[in-house]
Amino acid sequence: MAKVEDVLLKMKINPSDVRFSDLCLVCTDYFGQARHKSGSHHIYKTPWKGDPRINIQNHKGKAKAYQVKQVLLAIEKLEVENAIEK
C-alpha cells in the first residue's frame, strides 16, 4: 500500500507531473475497477449522487493536471464521508 500513498503525496505536491498509470492505480484503490476503459479514457464510479464518476484521460503517458486535482477532491470527499459514518 505504500505505493498508493507515495503516489498520493506526489499528486498533492505536483499534480501536473503524474503518470497516467499511477493515477489509475490510485483510482482503482479508492473507487474499484474502472467501469469503462475506452481509448485514452477511464471512468470510475463514485459512491455519491450527483455526478457519480471520475473521468481520467491518458495524454502521452501523463495524467492531465485538472483531472488529478479532481481525483484528489473526490478522495477527500470520500474520506470525509467515511469519517462521518464511523
PDB file of N, CA and C in Angstrom:
ATOM      1  N   MET A   1       0.808  -1.207   0.000  1.00  0.00           N
ATOM      2  CA  MET A   1       0.000   0.000   0.000  1.00  0.00           C
ATOM      3  C   MET A   1       0.846   1.265   0.000  1.00  0.00           C
ATOM      4  N   ALA A   2       2.098   1.126   0.341  1.00  0.00           N
ATOM      5  CA  ALA A   2       2.957   2.312   0.373  1.00  0.00           C
ATOM      6  C   ALA A   2       3.027   2.973  -0.996  1.00  0.00           C
ATOM      7  N   LYS A   3       2.910   2.192  -2.046  1.00  0.00           N
ATOM      8  CA  LYS A   3       2.974   2.745  -3.400  1.00  0.00           C
ATOM      9  C   LYS A   3       1.846   3.753  -3.623  1.00  0.00           C
ATOM     10  N   VAL A   4       0.628   3.404  -3.224  1.00  0.00           N
ATOM     11  CA  VAL A   4      -0.507   4.305  -3.393  1.00  0.00           C
ATOM     12  C   VAL A   4      -0.302   5.572  -2.575  1.00  0.00           C
ATOM     13  N   GLU A   5       0.178   5.415  -1.368  1.00  0.00           N
ATOM     14  CA  GLU A   5       0.425   6.581  -0.515  1.00  0.00           C
ATOM     15  C   GLU A   5       1.513   7.480  -1.115  1.00  0.00           C
ATOM     16  N   ASP A   6       2.542   6.870  -1.677  1.00  0.00           N
ATOM     17  CA  ASP A   6       3.611   7.647  -2.319  1.00  0.00           C
ATOM     18  C   ASP A   6       3.081   8.432  -3.519  1.00  0.00           C
ATOM     19  N   VAL A   7       2.243   7.779  -4.313  1.00  0.00           N
ATOM     20  CA  VAL A   7       1.665   8.448  -5.486  1.00  0.00           C
ATOM     21  C   VAL A   7       0.757   9.589  -5.048  1.00  0.00           C
ATOM     22  N   LEU A   8      -0.048   9.368  -3.998  1.00  0.00           N
ATOM     23  CA  LEU A   8      -0.924  10.435  -3.489  1.00  0.00           C
ATOM     24  C   LEU A   8      -0.116  11.656  -3.059  1.00  0.00           C
ATOM     25  N   LEU A   9       0.972  11.422  -2.379  1.00  0.00           N
ATOM     26  CA  LEU A   9       1.822  12.535  -1.950  1.00  0.00           C
ATOM     27  C   LEU A   9       2.376  13.276  -3.162  1.00  0.00           C
ATOM     28  N   LYS A  10       2.825  12.535  -4.158  1.00  0.00           N
ATOM     29  CA  LYS A  10       3.350  13.152  -5.382  1.00  0.00           C
ATOM     30  C   LYS A  10       2.257  13.954  -6.093  1.00  0.00           C
ATOM     31  N   MET A  11       1.039  13.403  -6.109  1.00  0.00           N
ATOM     32  CA  MET A  11      -0.082  14.091  -6.752  1.00  0.00           C
ATOM     33  C   MET A  11      -0.371  15.430  -6.066  1.00  0.00           C
ATOM     34  N   LYS A  12      -0.296  15.440  -4.745  1.00  0.00           N
ATOM     35  CA  LYS A  12      -0.572  16.662  -3.987  1.00  0.00           C
ATOM     36  C   LYS A  12       0.520  17.709  -4.196  1.00  0.00           C
ATOM     37  N   ILE A  13       1.763  17.252  -4.295  1.00  0.00           N
ATOM     38  CA  ILE A  13       2.885  18.174  -4.449  1.00  0.00           C
ATOM     39  C   ILE A  13       2.930  18.773  -5.847  1.00  0.00           C
ATOM     40  N   ASN A  14       2.751  17.927  -6.863  1.00  0.00           N
ATOM     41  CA  ASN A  14       2.869  18.396  -8.249  1.00  0.00           C
ATOM     42  C   ASN A  14       1.857  17.675  -9.145  1.00  0.00           C
ATOM     43  N   PRO A  15       0.614  18.164  -9.197  1.00  0.00           N
ATOM     44  CA  PRO A  15      -0.412  17.482  -9.984  1.00  0.00           C
ATOM     45  C   PRO A  15      -0.164  17.491 -11.488  1.00  0.00           C
ATOM     46  N   SER A  16       0.742  18.309 -11.954  1.00  0.00           N
ATOM     47  CA  SER A  16       0.998  18.368 -13.396  1.00  0.00           C
ATOM     48  C   SER A  16       2.060  17.360 -13.844  1.00  0.00           C
ATOM     49  N   ASP A  17       2.625  16.592 -12.911  1.00  0.00           N
ATOM     50  CA  ASP A  17       3.656  15.622 -13.258  1.00  0.00           C
ATOM     51  C   ASP A  17       3.322  14.255 -12.669  1.00  0.00           C
ATOM     52  N   VAL A  18       2.161  13.705 -13.076  1.00  0.00           N
ATOM     53  CA  VAL A  18       1.717  12.410 -12.581  1.00  0.00           C
ATOM     54  C   VAL A  18       1.519  11.483 -13.779  1.00  0.00           C
ATOM     55  N   ARG A  19       2.092  10.304 -13.694  1.00  0.00           N
ATOM     56  CA  ARG A  19       1.903   9.333 -14.768  1.00  0.00           C
ATOM     57  C   ARG A  19       0.467   8.822 -14.746  1.00  0.00           C
ATOM     58  N   PHE A  20      -0.073   8.577 -15.908  1.00  0.00           N
ATOM     59  CA  PHE A  20      -1.439   8.085 -16.020  1.00  0.00           C
ATOM     60  C   PHE A  20      -1.590   6.740 -15.305  1.00  0.00           C
ATOM     61  N   SER A  21      -0.607   5.875 -15.427  1.00  0.00           N
ATOM     62  CA  SER A  21      -0.681   4.554 -14.784  1.00  0.00           C
ATOM     63  C   SER A  21      -0.732   4.688 -13.261  1.00  0.00           C
ATOM     64  N   ASP A  22      -0.021   5.681 -12.711  1.00  0.00           N
ATOM     65  CA  ASP A  22      -0.067   5.920 -11.271  1.00  0.00           C
ATOM     66  C   ASP A  22      -1.437   6.433 -10.843  1.00  0.00           C
ATOM     67  N   LEU A  23      -2.027   7.311 -11.657  1.00  0.00           N
ATOM     68  CA  LEU A  23      -3.360   7.825 -11.338  1.00  0.00           C
ATOM     69  C   LEU A  23      -4.381   6.690 -11.394  1.00  0.00           C
ATOM     70  N   CYS A  24      -4.242   5.791 -12.351  1.00  0.00           N
ATOM     71  CA  CYS A  24      -5.133   4.626 -12.432  1.00  0.00           C
ATOM     72  C   CYS A  24      -5.001   3.753 -11.183  1.00  0.00           C
ATOM     73  N   LEU A  25      -3.781   3.574 -10.711  1.00  0.00           N
ATOM     74  CA  LEU A  25      -3.539   2.787  -9.502  1.00  0.00           C
ATOM     75  C   LEU A  25      -4.284   3.379  -8.314  1.00  0.00           C
ATOM     76  N   VAL A  26      -4.196   4.690  -8.154  1.00  0.00           N
ATOM     77  CA  VAL A  26      -4.866   5.368  -7.041  1.00  0.00           C
ATOM     78  C   VAL A  26      -6.384   5.269  -7.189  1.00  0.00           C
ATOM     79  N   CYS A  27      -6.888   5.524  -8.385  1.00  0.00           N
ATOM     80  CA  CYS A  27      -8.341   5.462  -8.614  1.00  0.00           C
ATOM     81  C   CYS A  27      -8.874   4.062  -8.359  1.00  0.00           C
ATOM     82  N   THR A  28      -8.159   3.041  -8.799  1.00  0.00           N
ATOM     83  CA  THR A  28      -8.595   1.667  -8.575  1.00  0.00           C
ATOM     84  C   THR A  28      -8.599   1.339  -7.091  1.00  0.00           C
ATOM     85  N   ASP A  29      -7.616   1.836  -6.356  1.00  0.00           N
ATOM     86  CA  ASP A  29      -7.537   1.590  -4.918  1.00  0.00           C
ATOM     87  C   ASP A  29      -8.716   2.229  -4.176  1.00  0.00           C
ATOM     88  N   TYR A  30      -9.112   3.428  -4.570  1.00  0.00           N
ATOM     89  CA  TYR A  30     -10.175   4.143  -3.866  1.00  0.00           C
ATOM     90  C   TYR A  30     -11.570   3.866  -4.425  1.00  0.00           C
ATOM     91  N   PHE A  31     -11.699   3.654  -5.723  1.00  0.00           N
ATOM     92  CA  PHE A  31     -13.015   3.568  -6.353  1.00  0.00           C
ATOM     93  C   PHE A  31     -13.313   2.216  -7.006  1.00  0.00           C
ATOM     94  N   GLY A  32     -12.369   1.289  -6.993  1.00  0.00           N
ATOM     95  CA  GLY A  32     -12.573  -0.007  -7.628  1.00  0.00           C
ATOM     96  C   GLY A  32     -12.164   0.036  -9.091  1.00  0.00           C
ATOM     97  N   GLN A  33     -12.392  -1.070  -9.768  1.00  0.00           N
ATOM     98  CA  GLN A  33     -12.017  -1.164 -11.175  1.00  0.00           C
ATOM     99  C   GLN A  33     -12.785  -0.150 -12.017  1.00  0.00           C
ATOM    100  N   ALA A  34     -12.139   0.338 -13.042  1.00  0.00           N
ATOM    101  CA  ALA A  34     -12.791   1.279 -13.958  1.00  0.00           C
ATOM    102  C   ALA A  34     -13.988   0.585 -14.597  1.00  0.00           C
ATOM    103  N   ARG A  35     -15.122   1.280 -14.638  1.00  0.00           N
ATOM    104  CA  ARG A  35     -16.304   0.672 -15.241  1.00  0.00           C
ATOM    105  C   ARG A  35     -16.282   0.813 -16.753  1.00  0.00           C
ATOM    106  N   HIS A  36     -15.412   1.689 -17.238  1.00  0.00           N
ATOM    107  CA  HIS A  36     -15.320   1.916 -18.676  1.00  0.00           C
ATOM    108  C   HIS A  36     -13.878   2.273 -19.022  1.00  0.00           C
ATOM    109  N   LYS A  37     -13.313   1.523 -19.946  1.00  0.00           N
ATOM    110  CA  LYS A  37     -11.969   1.822 -20.457  1.00  0.00           C
ATOM    111  C   LYS A  37     -12.080   1.853 -21.969  1.00  0.00           C
ATOM    112  N   SER A  38     -11.998   3.035 -22.519  1.00  0.00           N
ATOM    113  CA  SER A  38     -12.125   3.163 -23.960  1.00  0.00           C
ATOM    114  C   SER A  38     -11.097   4.152 -24.461  1.00  0.00           C
ATOM    115  N   GLY A  39     -10.209   3.688 -25.289  1.00  0.00           N
ATOM    116  CA  GLY A  39      -9.184   4.586 -25.816  1.00  0.00           C
ATOM    117  C   GLY A  39      -8.346   5.167 -24.695  1.00  0.00           C
ATOM    118  N   SER A  40      -8.311   6.468 -24.614  1.00  0.00           N
ATOM    119  CA  SER A  40      -7.483   7.124 -23.601  1.00  0.00           C
ATOM    120  C   SER A  40      -8.257   7.442 -22.327  1.00  0.00           C
ATOM    121  N   HIS A  41      -9.563   7.161 -22.279  1.00  0.00           N
ATOM    122  CA  HIS A  41     -10.396   7.495 -21.123  1.00  0.00           C
ATOM    123  C   HIS A  41     -10.654   6.288 -20.233  1.00  0.00           C
ATOM    124  N   HIS A  42     -10.599   6.522 -18.930  1.00  0.00           N
ATOM    125  CA  HIS A  42     -11.005   5.542 -17.925  1.00  0.00           C
ATOM    126  C   HIS A  42     -12.020   6.235 -17.028  1.00  0.00           C
ATOM    127  N   ILE A  43     -13.130   5.552 -16.755  1.00  0.00           N
ATOM    128  CA  ILE A  43     -14.189   6.147 -15.936  1.00  0.00           C
ATOM    129  C   ILE A  43     -14.402   5.264 -14.717  1.00  0.00           C
ATOM    130  N   TYR A  44     -14.348   5.888 -13.534  1.00  0.00           N
ATOM    131  CA  TYR A  44     -14.523   5.198 -12.264  1.00  0.00           C
ATOM    132  C   TYR A  44     -15.806   5.687 -11.603  1.00  0.00           C
ATOM    133  N   LYS A  45     -16.523   4.769 -10.959  1.00  0.00           N
ATOM    134  CA  LYS A  45     -17.770   5.098 -10.280  1.00  0.00           C
ATOM    135  C   LYS A  45     -17.472   5.547  -8.854  1.00  0.00           C
ATOM    136  N   THR A  46     -18.161   6.589  -8.412  1.00  0.00           N
ATOM    137  CA  THR A  46     -18.042   7.058  -7.032  1.00  0.00           C
ATOM    138  C   THR A  46     -19.342   6.751  -6.292  1.00  0.00           C
ATOM    139  N   PRO A  47     -19.303   6.674  -4.958  1.00  0.00           N
ATOM    140  CA  PRO A  47     -20.480   6.236  -4.205  1.00  0.00           C
ATOM    141  C   PRO A  47     -21.526   7.315  -3.912  1.00  0.00           C
ATOM    142  N   TRP A  48     -21.345   8.518  -4.382  1.00  0.00           N
ATOM    143  CA  TRP A  48     -22.315   9.568  -4.059  1.00  0.00           C
ATOM    144  C   TRP A  48     -23.178   9.925  -5.260  1.00  0.00           C
ATOM    145  N   LYS A  49     -24.286  10.588  -4.957  1.00  0.00           N
ATOM    146  CA  LYS A  49     -25.218  11.001  -6.015  1.00  0.00           C
ATOM    147  C   LYS A  49     -24.732  12.298  -6.649  1.00  0.00           C
ATOM    148  N   GLY A  50     -25.382  12.694  -7.698  1.00  0.00           N
ATOM    149  CA  GLY A  50     -24.973  13.909  -8.410  1.00  0.00           C
ATOM    150  C   GLY A  50     -24.169  13.512  -9.628  1.00  0.00           C
ATOM    151  N   ASP A  51     -22.899  13.773  -9.598  1.00  0.00           N
ATOM    152  CA  ASP A  51     -22.010  13.382 -10.689  1.00  0.00           C
ATOM    153  C   ASP A  51     -21.177  12.201 -10.183  1.00  0.00           C
ATOM    154  N   PRO A  52     -21.705  10.986 -10.284  1.00  0.00           N
ATOM    155  CA  PRO A  52     -21.066   9.830  -9.639  1.00  0.00           C
ATOM    156  C   PRO A  52     -19.960   9.177 -10.454  1.00  0.00           C
ATOM    157  N   ARG A  53     -19.042   9.977 -10.969  1.00  0.00           N
ATOM    158  CA  ARG A  53     -17.976   9.369 -11.755  1.00  0.00           C
ATOM    159  C   ARG A  53     -16.705  10.208 -11.705  1.00  0.00           C
ATOM    160  N   ILE A  54     -15.619   9.529 -11.952  1.00  0.00           N
ATOM    161  CA  ILE A  54     -14.309  10.154 -12.132  1.00  0.00           C
ATOM    162  C   ILE A  54     -13.872   9.774 -13.538  1.00  0.00           C
ATOM    163  N   ASN A  55     -13.594  10.752 -14.355  1.00  0.00           N
ATOM    164  CA  ASN A  55     -13.175  10.521 -15.733  1.00  0.00           C
ATOM    165  C   ASN A  55     -11.734  11.005 -15.871  1.00  0.00           C
ATOM    166  N   ILE A  56     -10.829  10.074 -16.176  1.00  0.00           N
ATOM    167  CA  ILE A  56      -9.426  10.452 -16.350  1.00  0.00           C
ATOM    168  C   ILE A  56      -8.996  10.093 -17.765  1.00  0.00           C
ATOM    169  N   GLN A  57      -7.990  10.808 -18.231  1.00  0.00           N
ATOM    170  CA  GLN A  57      -7.578  10.674 -19.623  1.00  0.00           C
ATOM    171  C   GLN A  57      -6.062  10.566 -19.718  1.00  0.00           C
ATOM    172  N   ASN A  58      -5.622   9.637 -20.543  1.00  0.00           N
ATOM    173  CA  ASN A  58      -4.198   9.441 -20.797  1.00  0.00           C
ATOM    174  C   ASN A  58      -3.759  10.412 -21.889  1.00  0.00           C
ATOM    175  N   HIS A  59      -2.774  11.240 -21.578  1.00  0.00           N
ATOM    176  CA  HIS A  59      -2.247  12.181 -22.566  1.00  0.00           C
ATOM    177  C   HIS A  59      -0.741  11.963 -22.661  1.00  0.00           C
ATOM    178  N   LYS A  60      -0.341  11.117 -23.602  1.00  0.00           N
ATOM    179  CA  LYS A  60       1.076  10.804 -23.831  1.00  0.00           C
ATOM    180  C   LYS A  60       1.738  10.233 -22.576  1.00  0.00           C
ATOM    181  N   GLY A  61       1.009   9.359 -21.868  1.00  0.00           N
ATOM    182  CA  GLY A  61       1.560   8.707 -20.680  1.00  0.00           C
ATOM    183  C   GLY A  61       1.382   9.486 -19.395  1.00  0.00           C
ATOM    184  N   LYS A  62       0.938  10.713 -19.485  1.00  0.00           N
ATOM    185  CA  LYS A  62       0.746  11.559 -18.307  1.00  0.00           C
ATOM    186  C   LYS A  62      -0.742  11.777 -18.063  1.00  0.00           C
ATOM    187  N   ALA A  63      -1.077  12.076 -16.832  1.00  0.00           N
ATOM    188  CA  ALA A  63      -2.446  12.447 -16.476  1.00  0.00           C
ATOM    189  C   ALA A  63      -2.569  13.960 -16.596  1.00  0.00           C
ATOM    190  N   LYS A  64      -3.740  14.414 -16.954  1.00  0.00           N
ATOM    191  CA  LYS A  64      -3.970  15.855 -17.048  1.00  0.00           C
ATOM    192  C   LYS A  64      -4.087  16.430 -15.644  1.00  0.00           C
ATOM    193  N   ALA A  65      -3.472  17.577 -15.412  1.00  0.00           N
ATOM    194  CA  ALA A  65      -3.389  18.160 -14.069  1.00  0.00           C
ATOM    195  C   ALA A  65      -4.765  18.436 -13.478  1.00  0.00           C
ATOM    196  N   TYR A  66      -5.697  18.948 -14.287  1.00  0.00           N
ATOM    197  CA  TYR A  66      -7.010  19.259 -13.729  1.00  0.00           C
ATOM    198  C   TYR A  66      -7.744  17.991 -13.311  1.00  0.00           C
ATOM    199  N   GLN A  67      -7.484  16.877 -13.988  1.00  0.00           N
ATOM    200  CA  GLN A  67      -8.103  15.616 -13.612  1.00  0.00           C
ATOM    201  C   GLN A  67      -7.469  15.041 -12.350  1.00  0.00           C
ATOM    202  N   VAL A  68      -6.183  15.245 -12.171  1.00  0.00           N
ATOM    203  CA  VAL A  68      -5.514  14.837 -10.933  1.00  0.00           C
ATOM    204  C   VAL A  68      -6.123  15.594  -9.759  1.00  0.00           C
ATOM    205  N   LYS A  69      -6.360  16.887  -9.936  1.00  0.00           N
ATOM    206  CA  LYS A  69      -6.972  17.690  -8.878  1.00  0.00           C
ATOM    207  C   LYS A  69      -8.393  17.218  -8.589  1.00  0.00           C
ATOM    208  N   GLN A  70      -9.145  16.824  -9.615  1.00  0.00           N
ATOM    209  CA  GLN A  70     -10.499  16.304  -9.414  1.00  0.00           C
ATOM    210  C   GLN A  70     -10.462  15.003  -8.617  1.00  0.00           C
ATOM    211  N   VAL A  71      -9.500  14.148  -8.912  1.00  0.00           N
ATOM    212  CA  VAL A  71      -9.361  12.893  -8.179  1.00  0.00           C
ATOM    213  C   VAL A  71      -9.017  13.175  -6.721  1.00  0.00           C
ATOM    214  N   LEU A  72      -8.125  14.115  -6.476  1.00  0.00           N
ATOM    215  CA  LEU A  72      -7.771  14.465  -5.099  1.00  0.00           C
ATOM    216  C   LEU A  72      -8.983  14.984  -4.329  1.00  0.00           C
ATOM    217  N   LEU A  73      -9.809  15.805  -4.966  1.00  0.00           N
ATOM    218  CA  LEU A  73     -11.026  16.301  -4.316  1.00  0.00           C
ATOM    219  C   LEU A  73     -12.004  15.165  -4.036  1.00  0.00           C
ATOM    220  N   ALA A  74     -12.137  14.233  -4.973  1.00  0.00           N
ATOM    221  CA  ALA A  74     -13.038  13.095  -4.779  1.00  0.00           C
ATOM    222  C   ALA A  74     -12.548  12.203  -3.638  1.00  0.00           C
ATOM    223  N   ILE A  75     -11.255  11.992  -3.537  1.00  0.00           N
ATOM    224  CA  ILE A  75     -10.690  11.191  -2.447  1.00  0.00           C
ATOM    225  C   ILE A  75     -10.937  11.878  -1.117  1.00  0.00           C
ATOM    226  N   GLU A  76     -10.754  13.192  -1.084  1.00  0.00           N
ATOM    227  CA  GLU A  76     -11.001  13.952   0.141  1.00  0.00           C
ATOM    228  C   GLU A  76     -12.472  13.833   0.552  1.00  0.00           C
ATOM    229  N   LYS A  77     -13.370  13.965  -0.399  1.00  0.00           N
ATOM    230  CA  LYS A  77     -14.801  13.845  -0.122  1.00  0.00           C
ATOM    231  C   LYS A  77     -15.127  12.446   0.403  1.00  0.00           C
ATOM    232  N   LEU A  78     -14.543  11.427  -0.207  1.00  0.00           N
ATOM    233  CA  LEU A  78     -14.756  10.052   0.212  1.00  0.00           C
ATOM    234  C   LEU A  78     -14.266   9.837   1.645  1.00  0.00           C
ATOM    235  N   GLU A  79     -13.094  10.368   1.963  1.00  0.00           N
ATOM    236  CA  GLU A  79     -12.538  10.203   3.306  1.00  0.00           C
ATOM    237  C   GLU A  79     -13.367  10.942   4.344  1.00  0.00           C
ATOM    238  N   VAL A  80     -13.888  12.121   3.997  1.00  0.00           N
ATOM    239  CA  VAL A  80     -14.742  12.873   4.925  1.00  0.00           C
ATOM    240  C   VAL A  80     -16.034  12.099   5.187  1.00  0.00           C
ATOM    241  N   GLU A  81     -16.642  11.572   4.129  1.00  0.00           N
ATOM    242  CA  GLU A  81     -17.874  10.803   4.292  1.00  0.00           C
ATOM    243  C   GLU A  81     -17.632   9.533   5.119  1.00  0.00           C
ATOM    244  N   ASN A  82     -16.510   8.879   4.922  1.00  0.00           N
ATOM    245  CA  ASN A  82     -16.189   7.680   5.700  1.00  0.00           C
ATOM    246  C   ASN A  82     -15.936   8.020   7.157  1.00  0.00           C
ATOM    247  N   ALA A  83     -15.334   9.188   7.420  1.00  0.00           N
ATOM    248  CA  ALA A  83     -15.066   9.610   8.797  1.00  0.00           C
ATOM    249  C   ALA A  83     -16.378   9.924   9.517  1.00  0.00           C
ATOM    250  N   ILE A  84     -17.334  10.505   8.804  1.00  0.00           N
ATOM    251  CA  ILE A  84     -18.629  10.847   9.399  1.00  0.00           C
ATOM    252  C   ILE A  84     -19.400   9.568   9.743  1.00  0.00           C
ATOM    253  N   GLU A  85     -19.322   8.562   8.887  1.00  0.00           N
ATOM    254  CA  GLU A  85     -20.031   7.306   9.109  1.00  0.00           C
ATOM    255  C   GLU A  85     -19.485   6.538  10.298  1.00  0.00           C
ATOM    256  N   LYS A  86     -18.225   6.701  10.612  1.00  0.00           N
ATOM    257  CA  LYS A  86     -17.619   5.958  11.730  1.00  0.00           C
ATOM    258  C   LYS A  86     -17.945   6.582  13.015  1.00  0.00           C
TER     259      LYS A  86
END
